[in-house]
Amino acid sequence: MKSKDSLFGMIASVGCIVLCVILLFGNPYSNTPVSKGTFIIIVMMLILPACLGITAWFLRNRFLMYMVFVWSLPYGLYLSVASIPSIWNLLSVILILYLVSAKRMSKSYSG
């Protein structure tokens, strides 16, 4: 059974994927469809690290969770502060959850 310590990483990863799907396919702030470039950036910089976060949760690997945090940080931070208030501000909470998960894994696990 997985520890509750790493559950923050799973919640953050799933939450990030949900927010990205909303951004890409049902943006409540714009009726304009996203461009191919935006789609690729969101997938590469937010969805792929979120998938890695799910893997880190299953493996209970703190190093992978730190990688998820660092990989997601630039675009997650940008989207979370670019428009205040908005639903995208939740990405800052997701970034915090990634870091908390990695820190808690560091204290709980040796590997």
Protein backbone atom coordinates (compact mmCIF):
# COMPACT_ATOMS: atom_id res chain seq x y z
CA MET A 1 0.00 0.00 0.00
CA LYS A 2 1.26 3.46 -0.89
CA SER A 3 2.07 5.93 1.85
CA LYS A 4 -0.15 8.96 2.37
CA ASP A 5 2.99 11.10 2.15
CA SER A 6 3.26 10.64 -1.59
CA LEU A 7 -0.48 11.04 -2.19
CA PHE A 8 0.09 14.78 -2.67
CA GLY A 9 2.06 14.00 -5.83
CA MET A 10 -0.73 11.87 -7.29
CA ILE A 11 -3.35 14.52 -6.50
CA ALA A 12 -1.15 17.22 -8.07
CA SER A 13 -0.47 15.15 -11.18
CA VAL A 14 -4.11 14.31 -11.81
CA GLY A 15 -5.11 17.91 -11.06
CA CYS A 16 -2.54 19.22 -13.52
CA ILE A 17 -3.79 16.93 -16.27
CA VAL A 18 -7.40 18.00 -15.60
CA LEU A 19 -6.47 21.71 -15.72
CA CYS A 20 -4.51 21.20 -18.94
CA VAL A 21 -7.44 19.40 -20.58
CA ILE A 22 -9.70 22.30 -19.58
CA LEU A 23 -7.18 24.78 -20.99
CA LEU A 24 -6.79 22.91 -24.26
CA PHE A 25 -10.38 21.82 -24.96
CA GLY A 26 -12.76 23.90 -22.86
CA ASN A 27 -11.11 27.17 -21.92
CA PRO A 28 -13.77 29.20 -20.08
CA TYR A 29 -11.93 32.47 -20.84
CA SER A 30 -11.68 32.15 -24.61
CA ASN A 31 -13.69 30.78 -27.51
CA THR A 32 -10.62 30.66 -29.74
CA PRO A 33 -9.24 27.14 -30.21
CA VAL A 34 -5.63 26.67 -29.11
CA SER A 35 -2.96 26.64 -31.76
CA LYS A 36 -0.86 23.59 -32.55
CA GLY A 37 2.15 25.27 -30.93
CA THR A 38 0.27 25.96 -27.69
CA PHE A 39 -1.00 22.39 -27.66
CA ILE A 40 2.53 21.01 -28.01
CA ILE A 41 3.91 23.31 -25.30
CA ILE A 42 1.19 22.39 -22.81
CA VAL A 43 1.66 18.69 -23.47
CA MET A 44 5.47 18.83 -23.27
CA MET A 45 5.76 21.18 -20.31
CA LEU A 46 2.80 20.26 -18.10
CA ILE A 47 1.10 17.01 -19.12
CA LEU A 48 4.25 14.91 -19.60
CA PRO A 49 5.70 15.92 -16.22
CA ALA A 50 2.31 15.15 -14.65
CA CYS A 51 2.49 11.64 -16.15
CA LEU A 52 6.00 11.35 -14.72
CA GLY A 53 4.55 12.44 -11.37
CA ILE A 54 2.11 9.54 -11.48
CA THR A 55 5.04 7.23 -12.20
CA ALA A 56 6.99 8.77 -9.31
CA TRP A 57 4.01 8.11 -7.06
CA PHE A 58 3.84 4.45 -8.06
CA LEU A 59 7.60 4.00 -7.68
CA ARG A 60 7.77 6.21 -4.57
CA ASN A 61 10.78 7.92 -6.12
CA ARG A 62 11.57 11.33 -4.67
CA PHE A 63 14.12 12.17 -7.39
CA LEU A 64 11.46 11.79 -10.10
CA MET A 65 9.07 13.97 -8.09
CA TYR A 66 11.72 16.69 -7.82
CA MET A 67 12.17 16.41 -11.60
CA VAL A 68 8.41 16.86 -12.06
CA PHE A 69 8.51 20.01 -9.92
CA VAL A 70 11.48 21.54 -11.74
CA TRP A 71 10.15 20.58 -15.19
CA SER A 72 6.69 22.05 -14.49
CA LEU A 73 7.89 25.14 -12.66
CA PRO A 74 8.45 27.63 -15.54
CA TYR A 75 5.17 27.14 -17.39
CA GLY A 76 3.13 26.33 -14.30
CA LEU A 77 4.33 29.50 -12.61
CA TYR A 78 3.74 31.57 -15.72
CA LEU A 79 0.19 30.33 -16.19
CA SER A 80 -0.60 30.69 -12.50
CA VAL A 81 0.37 34.39 -12.34
CA ALA A 82 -0.40 35.55 -15.88
CA SER A 83 -4.04 36.25 -15.08
CA ILE A 84 -5.23 36.84 -11.54
CA PRO A 85 -7.90 35.76 -10.63
CA SER A 86 -8.51 32.77 -12.85
CA ILE A 87 -8.80 29.00 -12.67
CA TRP A 88 -5.16 28.76 -13.83
CA ASN A 89 -4.04 30.10 -10.44
CA LEU A 90 -4.61 26.54 -9.23
CA LEU A 91 -1.39 25.60 -11.03
CA SER A 92 0.51 27.33 -8.22
CA VAL A 93 -1.19 24.98 -5.76
CA ILE A 94 -0.19 22.04 -7.95
CA LEU A 95 3.44 23.19 -7.97
CA ILE A 96 3.37 23.45 -4.18
CA LEU A 97 1.90 19.95 -3.92
CA TYR A 98 4.67 18.57 -6.15
CA LEU A 99 7.30 20.10 -3.87
CA VAL A 100 5.56 18.98 -0.67
CA SER A 101 5.28 15.46 -2.04
CA ALA A 102 8.97 15.34 -2.96
CA LYS A 103 9.96 16.69 0.47
CA ARG A 104 7.74 14.20 2.28
CA MET A 105 9.11 11.35 0.16
CA SER A 106 12.61 12.47 1.15
CA LYS A 107 11.73 12.14 4.82
CA SER A 108 9.81 8.88 4.46
CA TYR A 109 11.92 6.88 2.02
CA SER A 110 15.58 6.30 1.59
CA GLY A 111 15.44 5.58 -2.16
